[in-house]
Amino acid sequence: MKKLSVILFIWCLPIFLMAQWVTDNNYGFKINVPSNWSKETAMDGADKTHSFSDPTENVYIQKRAFKADGISADDISQVFESQYIPTANRAAFEAYTLNNTPGKFAGYTMHINGLDVGIGAFYAVKNGYGYVVWSMIETKHYNQYSGQGDAVLNTFTTFAAASKAKAI
């Protein structure tokens, strides 16, 4: 197991050396994304989204953030599942803490646009904001690309927002 960890670290090291922090002070988060990945930011209703894709387009990651008063990670997962991945099959759902942010992790399988994909999602509420950080990888490429996706997802970190974002 230790040998595998060292191999994965060495394999992912170039990804981190060419990475850039994407920081959003209004929504209180940052995530480290390789500089050669595509990056898009948009508003989707009241959600601010940051979408990232590796150069091969085999790894897709999105972070959604929004004002979240009086809701839980479980509530967020229910809305995300019903609105964004309604045909997905949930394979895992458990409590998970990512960089001192408690939340829930869920794993899904889904058939979309003729492809079988695996989806991993982290749901959290912290400092008055809700977050969904999720990745999608075609299942036939999962073993090849999941390490890259995990390396990015595992850098997601929350902090107290500099100013309060306004719901749209």
N, C-alpha and C. Protein backbone atom coordinates (compact mmCIF):
# COMPACT_ATOMS: atom_id res chain seq x y z
N MET A 1 0.83 -1.19 0.00
CA MET A 1 0.00 0.00 0.00
C MET A 1 0.87 1.25 0.00
N LYS A 2 1.93 1.25 0.80
CA LYS A 2 2.82 2.41 0.88
C LYS A 2 3.48 2.64 -0.48
N LYS A 3 3.88 1.56 -1.16
CA LYS A 3 4.51 1.67 -2.47
C LYS A 3 3.54 2.29 -3.48
N LEU A 4 2.28 1.90 -3.43
CA LEU A 4 1.28 2.46 -4.33
C LEU A 4 1.10 3.94 -4.07
N SER A 5 1.10 4.36 -2.81
CA SER A 5 0.97 5.79 -2.47
C SER A 5 2.13 6.59 -3.03
N VAL A 6 3.33 6.06 -2.93
CA VAL A 6 4.51 6.75 -3.44
C VAL A 6 4.43 6.86 -4.96
N ILE A 7 4.00 5.80 -5.62
CA ILE A 7 3.87 5.81 -7.08
C ILE A 7 2.83 6.84 -7.51
N LEU A 8 1.68 6.88 -6.83
CA LEU A 8 0.64 7.86 -7.17
C LEU A 8 1.14 9.28 -6.93
N PHE A 9 1.88 9.51 -5.84
CA PHE A 9 2.42 10.82 -5.56
C PHE A 9 3.37 11.26 -6.68
N ILE A 10 4.27 10.39 -7.08
CA ILE A 10 5.22 10.72 -8.14
C ILE A 10 4.50 10.96 -9.45
N TRP A 11 3.48 10.16 -9.75
CA TRP A 11 2.71 10.30 -10.98
C TRP A 11 1.95 11.62 -11.00
N CYS A 12 1.40 12.06 -9.87
CA CYS A 12 0.61 13.30 -9.80
C CYS A 12 1.46 14.54 -9.56
N LEU A 13 2.73 14.38 -9.19
CA LEU A 13 3.58 15.53 -8.89
C LEU A 13 3.62 16.55 -10.03
N PRO A 14 3.78 16.14 -11.30
CA PRO A 14 3.78 17.15 -12.37
C PRO A 14 2.47 17.93 -12.44
N ILE A 15 1.36 17.32 -12.10
CA ILE A 15 0.08 18.01 -12.10
C ILE A 15 0.12 19.18 -11.11
N PHE A 16 0.65 18.94 -9.91
CA PHE A 16 0.70 19.98 -8.89
C PHE A 16 1.72 21.06 -9.22
N LEU A 17 2.81 20.69 -9.88
CA LEU A 17 3.83 21.67 -10.22
C LEU A 17 3.33 22.66 -11.26
N MET A 18 2.36 22.26 -12.09
CA MET A 18 1.81 23.13 -13.12
C MET A 18 0.43 23.63 -12.74
N ALA A 19 0.09 23.65 -11.48
CA ALA A 19 -1.26 24.01 -11.05
C ALA A 19 -1.34 25.46 -10.61
N GLN A 20 -2.59 25.96 -10.62
CA GLN A 20 -2.88 27.32 -10.17
C GLN A 20 -4.07 27.26 -9.23
N TRP A 21 -4.02 28.06 -8.17
CA TRP A 21 -5.16 28.14 -7.27
C TRP A 21 -6.26 28.97 -7.93
N VAL A 22 -7.45 28.45 -7.95
CA VAL A 22 -8.64 29.20 -8.33
C VAL A 22 -9.30 29.55 -7.00
N THR A 23 -9.36 30.85 -6.69
CA THR A 23 -9.86 31.31 -5.40
C THR A 23 -11.06 32.21 -5.61
N ASP A 24 -12.09 32.00 -4.82
CA ASP A 24 -13.27 32.86 -4.86
C ASP A 24 -13.50 33.39 -3.45
N ASN A 25 -13.08 34.64 -3.23
CA ASN A 25 -13.20 35.24 -1.90
C ASN A 25 -14.64 35.53 -1.52
N ASN A 26 -15.53 35.73 -2.49
CA ASN A 26 -16.94 36.00 -2.19
C ASN A 26 -17.67 34.77 -1.68
N TYR A 27 -17.29 33.59 -2.15
CA TYR A 27 -17.94 32.35 -1.74
C TYR A 27 -17.07 31.51 -0.82
N GLY A 28 -15.88 31.98 -0.49
CA GLY A 28 -15.03 31.35 0.50
C GLY A 28 -14.51 29.97 0.17
N PHE A 29 -13.86 29.82 -0.99
CA PHE A 29 -13.26 28.53 -1.32
C PHE A 29 -12.07 28.75 -2.25
N LYS A 30 -11.25 27.72 -2.32
CA LYS A 30 -10.18 27.67 -3.31
C LYS A 30 -9.99 26.22 -3.73
N ILE A 31 -9.48 26.05 -4.94
CA ILE A 31 -9.19 24.72 -5.47
C ILE A 31 -8.00 24.85 -6.41
N ASN A 32 -7.11 23.90 -6.38
CA ASN A 32 -5.87 23.95 -7.17
C ASN A 32 -6.07 23.14 -8.45
N VAL A 33 -5.98 23.82 -9.58
CA VAL A 33 -6.28 23.21 -10.88
C VAL A 33 -5.06 23.34 -11.80
N PRO A 34 -4.69 22.27 -12.49
CA PRO A 34 -3.55 22.37 -13.42
C PRO A 34 -3.75 23.52 -14.41
N SER A 35 -2.67 24.22 -14.71
CA SER A 35 -2.75 25.41 -15.55
C SER A 35 -3.17 25.09 -16.98
N ASN A 36 -2.97 23.86 -17.43
CA ASN A 36 -3.35 23.52 -18.80
C ASN A 36 -4.79 23.00 -18.92
N TRP A 37 -5.54 22.99 -17.83
CA TRP A 37 -6.95 22.59 -17.88
C TRP A 37 -7.79 23.79 -18.31
N SER A 38 -8.91 23.52 -18.99
CA SER A 38 -9.83 24.60 -19.31
C SER A 38 -10.57 25.00 -18.04
N LYS A 39 -10.89 26.29 -17.94
CA LYS A 39 -11.56 26.83 -16.75
C LYS A 39 -12.67 27.77 -17.21
N GLU A 40 -13.87 27.59 -16.67
CA GLU A 40 -14.99 28.47 -16.97
C GLU A 40 -15.70 28.83 -15.67
N THR A 41 -16.14 30.07 -15.58
CA THR A 41 -16.90 30.53 -14.42
C THR A 41 -18.21 31.11 -14.93
N ALA A 42 -19.31 30.79 -14.25
CA ALA A 42 -20.62 31.29 -14.67
C ALA A 42 -21.57 31.32 -13.48
N MET A 43 -22.66 32.02 -13.66
CA MET A 43 -23.75 31.98 -12.70
C MET A 43 -24.84 31.09 -13.28
N ASP A 44 -25.36 30.18 -12.48
CA ASP A 44 -26.45 29.30 -12.86
C ASP A 44 -27.55 29.54 -11.83
N GLY A 45 -28.43 30.50 -12.12
CA GLY A 45 -29.40 30.94 -11.12
C GLY A 45 -28.64 31.59 -9.98
N ALA A 46 -28.84 31.10 -8.76
CA ALA A 46 -28.14 31.63 -7.59
C ALA A 46 -26.81 30.94 -7.34
N ASP A 47 -26.48 29.94 -8.14
CA ASP A 47 -25.24 29.19 -7.96
C ASP A 47 -24.11 29.80 -8.78
N LYS A 48 -22.94 29.95 -8.18
CA LYS A 48 -21.76 30.32 -8.94
C LYS A 48 -21.02 29.03 -9.24
N THR A 49 -20.75 28.80 -10.51
CA THR A 49 -20.09 27.57 -10.92
C THR A 49 -18.69 27.86 -11.45
N HIS A 50 -17.81 26.96 -11.16
CA HIS A 50 -16.46 26.92 -11.74
C HIS A 50 -16.33 25.53 -12.34
N SER A 51 -16.10 25.47 -13.65
CA SER A 51 -15.99 24.18 -14.34
C SER A 51 -14.59 24.02 -14.89
N PHE A 52 -14.07 22.82 -14.78
CA PHE A 52 -12.71 22.52 -15.21
C PHE A 52 -12.70 21.22 -16.01
N SER A 53 -11.86 21.18 -17.04
CA SER A 53 -11.72 19.96 -17.83
C SER A 53 -10.25 19.78 -18.19
N ASP A 54 -9.78 18.54 -18.09
CA ASP A 54 -8.39 18.28 -18.46
C ASP A 54 -8.25 18.39 -19.98
N PRO A 55 -7.01 18.50 -20.49
CA PRO A 55 -6.81 18.70 -21.93
C PRO A 55 -7.38 17.58 -22.80
N THR A 56 -7.48 16.37 -22.27
CA THR A 56 -8.03 15.26 -23.04
C THR A 56 -9.55 15.23 -23.00
N GLU A 57 -10.14 16.05 -22.14
CA GLU A 57 -11.58 16.10 -21.89
C GLU A 57 -12.12 14.79 -21.33
N ASN A 58 -11.25 14.05 -20.65
CA ASN A 58 -11.68 12.81 -20.00
C ASN A 58 -12.02 13.02 -18.53
N VAL A 59 -11.64 14.16 -17.96
CA VAL A 59 -11.96 14.48 -16.57
C VAL A 59 -12.69 15.81 -16.56
N TYR A 60 -13.89 15.81 -16.00
CA TYR A 60 -14.68 17.03 -15.87
C TYR A 60 -14.94 17.25 -14.39
N ILE A 61 -14.66 18.45 -13.91
CA ILE A 61 -14.89 18.79 -12.50
C ILE A 61 -15.67 20.09 -12.45
N GLN A 62 -16.64 20.13 -11.56
CA GLN A 62 -17.38 21.38 -11.37
C GLN A 62 -17.53 21.64 -9.88
N LYS A 63 -17.42 22.91 -9.53
CA LYS A 63 -17.67 23.36 -8.17
C LYS A 63 -18.83 24.34 -8.23
N ARG A 64 -19.86 24.09 -7.42
CA ARG A 64 -21.00 25.00 -7.32
C ARG A 64 -21.00 25.57 -5.92
N ALA A 65 -21.26 26.88 -5.79
CA ALA A 65 -21.35 27.52 -4.48
C ALA A 65 -22.57 28.43 -4.47
N PHE A 66 -23.20 28.54 -3.30
CA PHE A 66 -24.42 29.32 -3.17
C PHE A 66 -24.67 29.64 -1.71
N LYS A 67 -25.48 30.66 -1.47
CA LYS A 67 -25.88 31.02 -0.11
C LYS A 67 -26.70 29.86 0.45
N ALA A 68 -26.42 29.44 1.66
CA ALA A 68 -27.05 28.23 2.20
C ALA A 68 -27.45 28.41 3.65
N ASP A 69 -28.49 29.15 3.89
CA ASP A 69 -28.98 29.33 5.25
C ASP A 69 -30.01 28.25 5.57
N GLY A 70 -29.78 27.54 6.67
CA GLY A 70 -30.76 26.58 7.15
C GLY A 70 -30.89 25.29 6.36
N ILE A 71 -29.88 24.94 5.57
CA ILE A 71 -29.93 23.67 4.86
C ILE A 71 -28.72 22.83 5.23
N SER A 72 -28.78 21.55 4.92
CA SER A 72 -27.71 20.62 5.26
C SER A 72 -27.10 20.03 3.99
N ALA A 73 -26.00 19.32 4.17
CA ALA A 73 -25.38 18.61 3.05
C ALA A 73 -26.34 17.58 2.47
N ASP A 74 -27.15 16.95 3.34
CA ASP A 74 -28.15 15.99 2.84
C ASP A 74 -29.17 16.69 1.94
N ASP A 75 -29.62 17.88 2.36
CA ASP A 75 -30.56 18.65 1.54
C ASP A 75 -29.95 18.98 0.18
N ILE A 76 -28.69 19.42 0.19
CA ILE A 76 -28.02 19.76 -1.06
C ILE A 76 -27.92 18.54 -1.97
N SER A 77 -27.60 17.39 -1.40
CA SER A 77 -27.48 16.18 -2.23
C SER A 77 -28.81 15.84 -2.89
N GLN A 78 -29.91 15.98 -2.16
CA GLN A 78 -31.22 15.67 -2.73
C GLN A 78 -31.56 16.59 -3.89
N VAL A 79 -31.26 17.87 -3.74
CA VAL A 79 -31.54 18.82 -4.83
C VAL A 79 -30.63 18.54 -6.02
N PHE A 80 -29.34 18.33 -5.76
CA PHE A 80 -28.40 18.07 -6.86
C PHE A 80 -28.81 16.80 -7.62
N GLU A 81 -29.12 15.75 -6.89
CA GLU A 81 -29.52 14.50 -7.54
C GLU A 81 -30.77 14.68 -8.39
N SER A 82 -31.76 15.37 -7.88
CA SER A 82 -33.02 15.50 -8.62
C SER A 82 -32.91 16.49 -9.78
N GLN A 83 -32.10 17.54 -9.64
CA GLN A 83 -32.02 18.56 -10.68
C GLN A 83 -30.93 18.33 -11.72
N TYR A 84 -29.81 17.75 -11.33
CA TYR A 84 -28.66 17.68 -12.24
C TYR A 84 -28.30 16.27 -12.68
N ILE A 85 -28.59 15.27 -11.87
CA ILE A 85 -28.26 13.89 -12.25
C ILE A 85 -29.43 12.95 -11.93
N PRO A 86 -30.63 13.26 -12.44
CA PRO A 86 -31.82 12.50 -12.03
C PRO A 86 -31.82 11.02 -12.43
N THR A 87 -31.03 10.64 -13.42
CA THR A 87 -31.01 9.24 -13.83
C THR A 87 -29.82 8.47 -13.24
N ALA A 88 -29.06 9.11 -12.37
CA ALA A 88 -27.89 8.46 -11.78
C ALA A 88 -28.32 7.42 -10.74
N ASN A 89 -27.50 6.41 -10.61
CA ASN A 89 -27.67 5.39 -9.57
C ASN A 89 -26.65 5.65 -8.48
N ARG A 90 -27.14 5.92 -7.27
CA ARG A 90 -26.24 6.18 -6.15
C ARG A 90 -25.61 4.87 -5.70
N ALA A 91 -24.27 4.83 -5.67
CA ALA A 91 -23.54 3.64 -5.26
C ALA A 91 -22.94 3.79 -3.86
N ALA A 92 -22.76 5.04 -3.42
CA ALA A 92 -22.16 5.29 -2.10
C ALA A 92 -22.68 6.63 -1.59
N PHE A 93 -22.80 6.72 -0.26
CA PHE A 93 -23.18 7.97 0.38
C PHE A 93 -22.75 7.88 1.83
N GLU A 94 -21.81 8.74 2.22
CA GLU A 94 -21.28 8.64 3.58
C GLU A 94 -20.75 9.99 4.06
N ALA A 95 -20.64 10.11 5.36
CA ALA A 95 -20.05 11.31 5.96
C ALA A 95 -18.58 11.37 5.54
N TYR A 96 -18.12 12.58 5.25
CA TYR A 96 -16.75 12.74 4.78
C TYR A 96 -16.29 14.15 5.13
N THR A 97 -15.05 14.31 5.53
CA THR A 97 -14.48 15.62 5.82
C THR A 97 -13.34 15.85 4.84
N LEU A 98 -13.41 16.98 4.13
CA LEU A 98 -12.40 17.32 3.14
C LEU A 98 -11.73 18.63 3.57
N ASN A 99 -10.47 18.56 3.92
CA ASN A 99 -9.70 19.75 4.34
C ASN A 99 -10.45 20.58 5.38
N ASN A 100 -10.86 19.93 6.45
CA ASN A 100 -11.57 20.55 7.58
C ASN A 100 -12.97 21.05 7.25
N THR A 101 -13.53 20.61 6.15
CA THR A 101 -14.91 20.93 5.82
C THR A 101 -15.73 19.64 5.89
N PRO A 102 -16.59 19.52 6.90
CA PRO A 102 -17.41 18.31 7.01
C PRO A 102 -18.53 18.34 5.97
N GLY A 103 -18.86 17.17 5.47
CA GLY A 103 -19.93 17.07 4.49
C GLY A 103 -20.28 15.63 4.22
N LYS A 104 -20.74 15.39 3.02
CA LYS A 104 -21.10 14.05 2.58
C LYS A 104 -20.44 13.77 1.24
N PHE A 105 -20.00 12.54 1.07
CA PHE A 105 -19.47 12.09 -0.21
C PHE A 105 -20.46 11.11 -0.81
N ALA A 106 -20.67 11.22 -2.11
CA ALA A 106 -21.54 10.27 -2.82
C ALA A 106 -20.86 9.84 -4.11
N GLY A 107 -21.07 8.60 -4.47
CA GLY A 107 -20.59 8.06 -5.74
C GLY A 107 -21.78 7.58 -6.54
N TYR A 108 -21.73 7.81 -7.85
CA TYR A 108 -22.85 7.47 -8.74
C TYR A 108 -22.33 6.84 -10.02
N THR A 109 -23.21 6.11 -10.67
CA THR A 109 -23.01 5.69 -12.06
C THR A 109 -24.18 6.23 -12.85
N MET A 110 -23.91 6.54 -14.11
CA MET A 110 -24.98 7.11 -14.93
C MET A 110 -24.65 6.90 -16.40
N HIS A 111 -25.67 6.80 -17.20
CA HIS A 111 -25.55 6.72 -18.65
C HIS A 111 -25.99 8.08 -19.19
N ILE A 112 -25.09 8.79 -19.87
CA ILE A 112 -25.40 10.13 -20.38
C ILE A 112 -24.75 10.32 -21.75
N ASN A 113 -25.53 10.81 -22.68
CA ASN A 113 -25.03 11.07 -24.05
C ASN A 113 -24.33 9.85 -24.64
N GLY A 114 -24.87 8.67 -24.39
CA GLY A 114 -24.31 7.44 -24.94
C GLY A 114 -23.09 6.91 -24.20
N LEU A 115 -22.74 7.52 -23.09
CA LEU A 115 -21.56 7.10 -22.34
C LEU A 115 -21.93 6.64 -20.94
N ASP A 116 -21.22 5.65 -20.44
CA ASP A 116 -21.34 5.25 -19.04
C ASP A 116 -20.29 6.03 -18.27
N VAL A 117 -20.73 6.75 -17.24
CA VAL A 117 -19.82 7.60 -16.47
C VAL A 117 -19.91 7.27 -14.99
N GLY A 118 -18.84 7.60 -14.31
CA GLY A 118 -18.80 7.56 -12.86
C GLY A 118 -18.76 9.00 -12.36
N ILE A 119 -19.50 9.28 -11.31
CA ILE A 119 -19.58 10.62 -10.74
C ILE A 119 -19.26 10.52 -9.26
N GLY A 120 -18.37 11.38 -8.82
CA GLY A 120 -18.08 11.51 -7.40
C GLY A 120 -18.47 12.91 -6.98
N ALA A 121 -19.19 13.05 -5.86
CA ALA A 121 -19.65 14.38 -5.43
C ALA A 121 -19.40 14.56 -3.94
N PHE A 122 -18.98 15.76 -3.59
CA PHE A 122 -18.82 16.16 -2.19
C PHE A 122 -19.79 17.30 -1.95
N TYR A 123 -20.64 17.14 -0.94
CA TYR A 123 -21.65 18.13 -0.57
C TYR A 123 -21.30 18.68 0.81
N ALA A 124 -21.35 20.01 0.95
CA ALA A 124 -21.00 20.59 2.24
C ALA A 124 -21.69 21.94 2.44
N VAL A 125 -21.84 22.31 3.70
CA VAL A 125 -22.29 23.64 4.09
C VAL A 125 -21.30 24.14 5.13
N LYS A 126 -20.75 25.34 4.88
CA LYS A 126 -19.80 25.91 5.84
C LYS A 126 -19.79 27.43 5.69
N ASN A 127 -19.75 28.13 6.79
CA ASN A 127 -19.68 29.59 6.80
C ASN A 127 -20.84 30.24 6.04
N GLY A 128 -22.01 29.60 6.05
CA GLY A 128 -23.19 30.16 5.40
C GLY A 128 -23.30 29.90 3.91
N TYR A 129 -22.40 29.08 3.36
CA TYR A 129 -22.43 28.76 1.94
C TYR A 129 -22.53 27.25 1.74
N GLY A 130 -23.21 26.87 0.67
CA GLY A 130 -23.30 25.47 0.30
C GLY A 130 -22.37 25.22 -0.87
N TYR A 131 -21.86 23.99 -0.92
CA TYR A 131 -20.92 23.62 -1.97
C TYR A 131 -21.26 22.24 -2.51
N VAL A 132 -21.14 22.11 -3.81
CA VAL A 132 -21.14 20.81 -4.47
C VAL A 132 -19.88 20.79 -5.31
N VAL A 133 -18.99 19.86 -5.02
CA VAL A 133 -17.78 19.69 -5.81
C VAL A 133 -17.86 18.28 -6.37
N TRP A 134 -17.92 18.20 -7.71
CA TRP A 134 -18.15 16.88 -8.30
C TRP A 134 -17.29 16.68 -9.53
N SER A 135 -17.05 15.42 -9.82
CA SER A 135 -16.27 15.05 -11.01
C SER A 135 -17.02 13.99 -11.79
N MET A 136 -16.74 13.96 -13.08
CA MET A 136 -17.35 12.96 -13.96
C MET A 136 -16.26 12.43 -14.89
N ILE A 137 -16.16 11.11 -14.94
CA ILE A 137 -15.18 10.44 -15.79
C ILE A 137 -15.88 9.25 -16.44
N GLU A 138 -15.66 9.10 -17.74
CA GLU A 138 -16.23 7.93 -18.43
C GLU A 138 -15.65 6.67 -17.78
N THR A 139 -16.51 5.70 -17.50
CA THR A 139 -16.07 4.52 -16.73
C THR A 139 -14.96 3.74 -17.43
N LYS A 140 -14.95 3.72 -18.75
CA LYS A 140 -13.89 2.96 -19.43
C LYS A 140 -12.52 3.64 -19.26
N HIS A 141 -12.50 4.92 -18.88
CA HIS A 141 -11.25 5.64 -18.64
C HIS A 141 -10.99 5.90 -17.16
N TYR A 142 -11.84 5.36 -16.31
CA TYR A 142 -11.77 5.69 -14.89
C TYR A 142 -10.40 5.38 -14.29
N ASN A 143 -9.88 4.18 -14.51
CA ASN A 143 -8.60 3.80 -13.92
C ASN A 143 -7.46 4.70 -14.40
N GLN A 144 -7.54 5.15 -15.63
CA GLN A 144 -6.48 5.98 -16.20
C GLN A 144 -6.52 7.41 -15.68
N TYR A 145 -7.72 7.97 -15.45
CA TYR A 145 -7.85 9.39 -15.16
C TYR A 145 -8.34 9.74 -13.75
N SER A 146 -8.78 8.78 -12.98
CA SER A 146 -9.34 9.12 -11.66
C SER A 146 -8.30 9.73 -10.73
N GLY A 147 -7.05 9.34 -10.84
CA GLY A 147 -6.00 9.92 -10.00
C GLY A 147 -5.85 11.42 -10.24
N GLN A 148 -5.95 11.83 -11.50
CA GLN A 148 -5.86 13.26 -11.83
C GLN A 148 -7.06 14.02 -11.25
N GLY A 149 -8.25 13.45 -11.42
CA GLY A 149 -9.44 14.09 -10.88
C GLY A 149 -9.39 14.20 -9.37
N ASP A 150 -8.99 13.12 -8.71
CA ASP A 150 -8.89 13.12 -7.25
C ASP A 150 -7.85 14.13 -6.76
N ALA A 151 -6.74 14.25 -7.49
CA ALA A 151 -5.70 15.18 -7.09
C ALA A 151 -6.23 16.62 -7.05
N VAL A 152 -7.10 16.96 -8.00
CA VAL A 152 -7.69 18.30 -8.02
C VAL A 152 -8.77 18.41 -6.94
N LEU A 153 -9.69 17.46 -6.89
CA LEU A 153 -10.78 17.51 -5.92
C LEU A 153 -10.27 17.61 -4.49
N ASN A 154 -9.22 16.89 -4.20
CA ASN A 154 -8.70 16.85 -2.83
C ASN A 154 -8.08 18.16 -2.38
N THR A 155 -7.92 19.13 -3.28
CA THR A 155 -7.39 20.44 -2.88
C THR A 155 -8.49 21.42 -2.50
N PHE A 156 -9.76 21.06 -2.72
CA PHE A 156 -10.86 21.97 -2.41
C PHE A 156 -10.82 22.33 -0.93
N THR A 157 -10.78 23.64 -0.66
CA THR A 157 -10.66 24.14 0.71
C THR A 157 -11.60 25.33 0.89
N THR A 158 -12.29 25.38 2.02
CA THR A 158 -13.17 26.51 2.31
C THR A 158 -12.52 27.42 3.34
N PHE A 159 -12.97 28.68 3.33
CA PHE A 159 -12.51 29.66 4.31
C PHE A 159 -13.61 30.70 4.46
N ALA A 160 -13.51 31.53 5.45
CA ALA A 160 -14.52 32.58 5.65
C ALA A 160 -14.49 33.55 4.48
N ALA A 161 -15.63 33.78 3.88
CA ALA A 161 -15.73 34.66 2.73
C ALA A 161 -15.42 36.10 3.12
N ALA A 162 -14.78 36.83 2.20
CA ALA A 162 -14.41 38.23 2.45
C ALA A 162 -15.63 39.12 2.51
N SER A 163 -16.59 38.84 1.64
CA SER A 163 -17.85 39.59 1.64
C SER A 163 -18.98 38.63 1.35
N LYS A 164 -20.15 38.98 1.76
CA LYS A 164 -21.28 38.09 1.57
C LYS A 164 -21.76 38.15 0.13
N ALA A 165 -21.84 36.98 -0.50
CA ALA A 165 -22.38 36.90 -1.86
C ALA A 165 -23.89 37.09 -1.78
N LYS A 166 -24.45 37.65 -2.81
CA LYS A 166 -25.88 37.89 -2.84
C LYS A 166 -26.57 36.86 -3.71
N ALA A 167 -27.65 36.31 -3.22
CA ALA A 167 -28.43 35.38 -4.02
C ALA A 167 -29.08 36.13 -5.17
N ILE A 168 -29.14 35.51 -6.31
CA ILE A 168 -29.76 36.15 -7.48
C ILE A 168 -31.17 35.62 -7.65
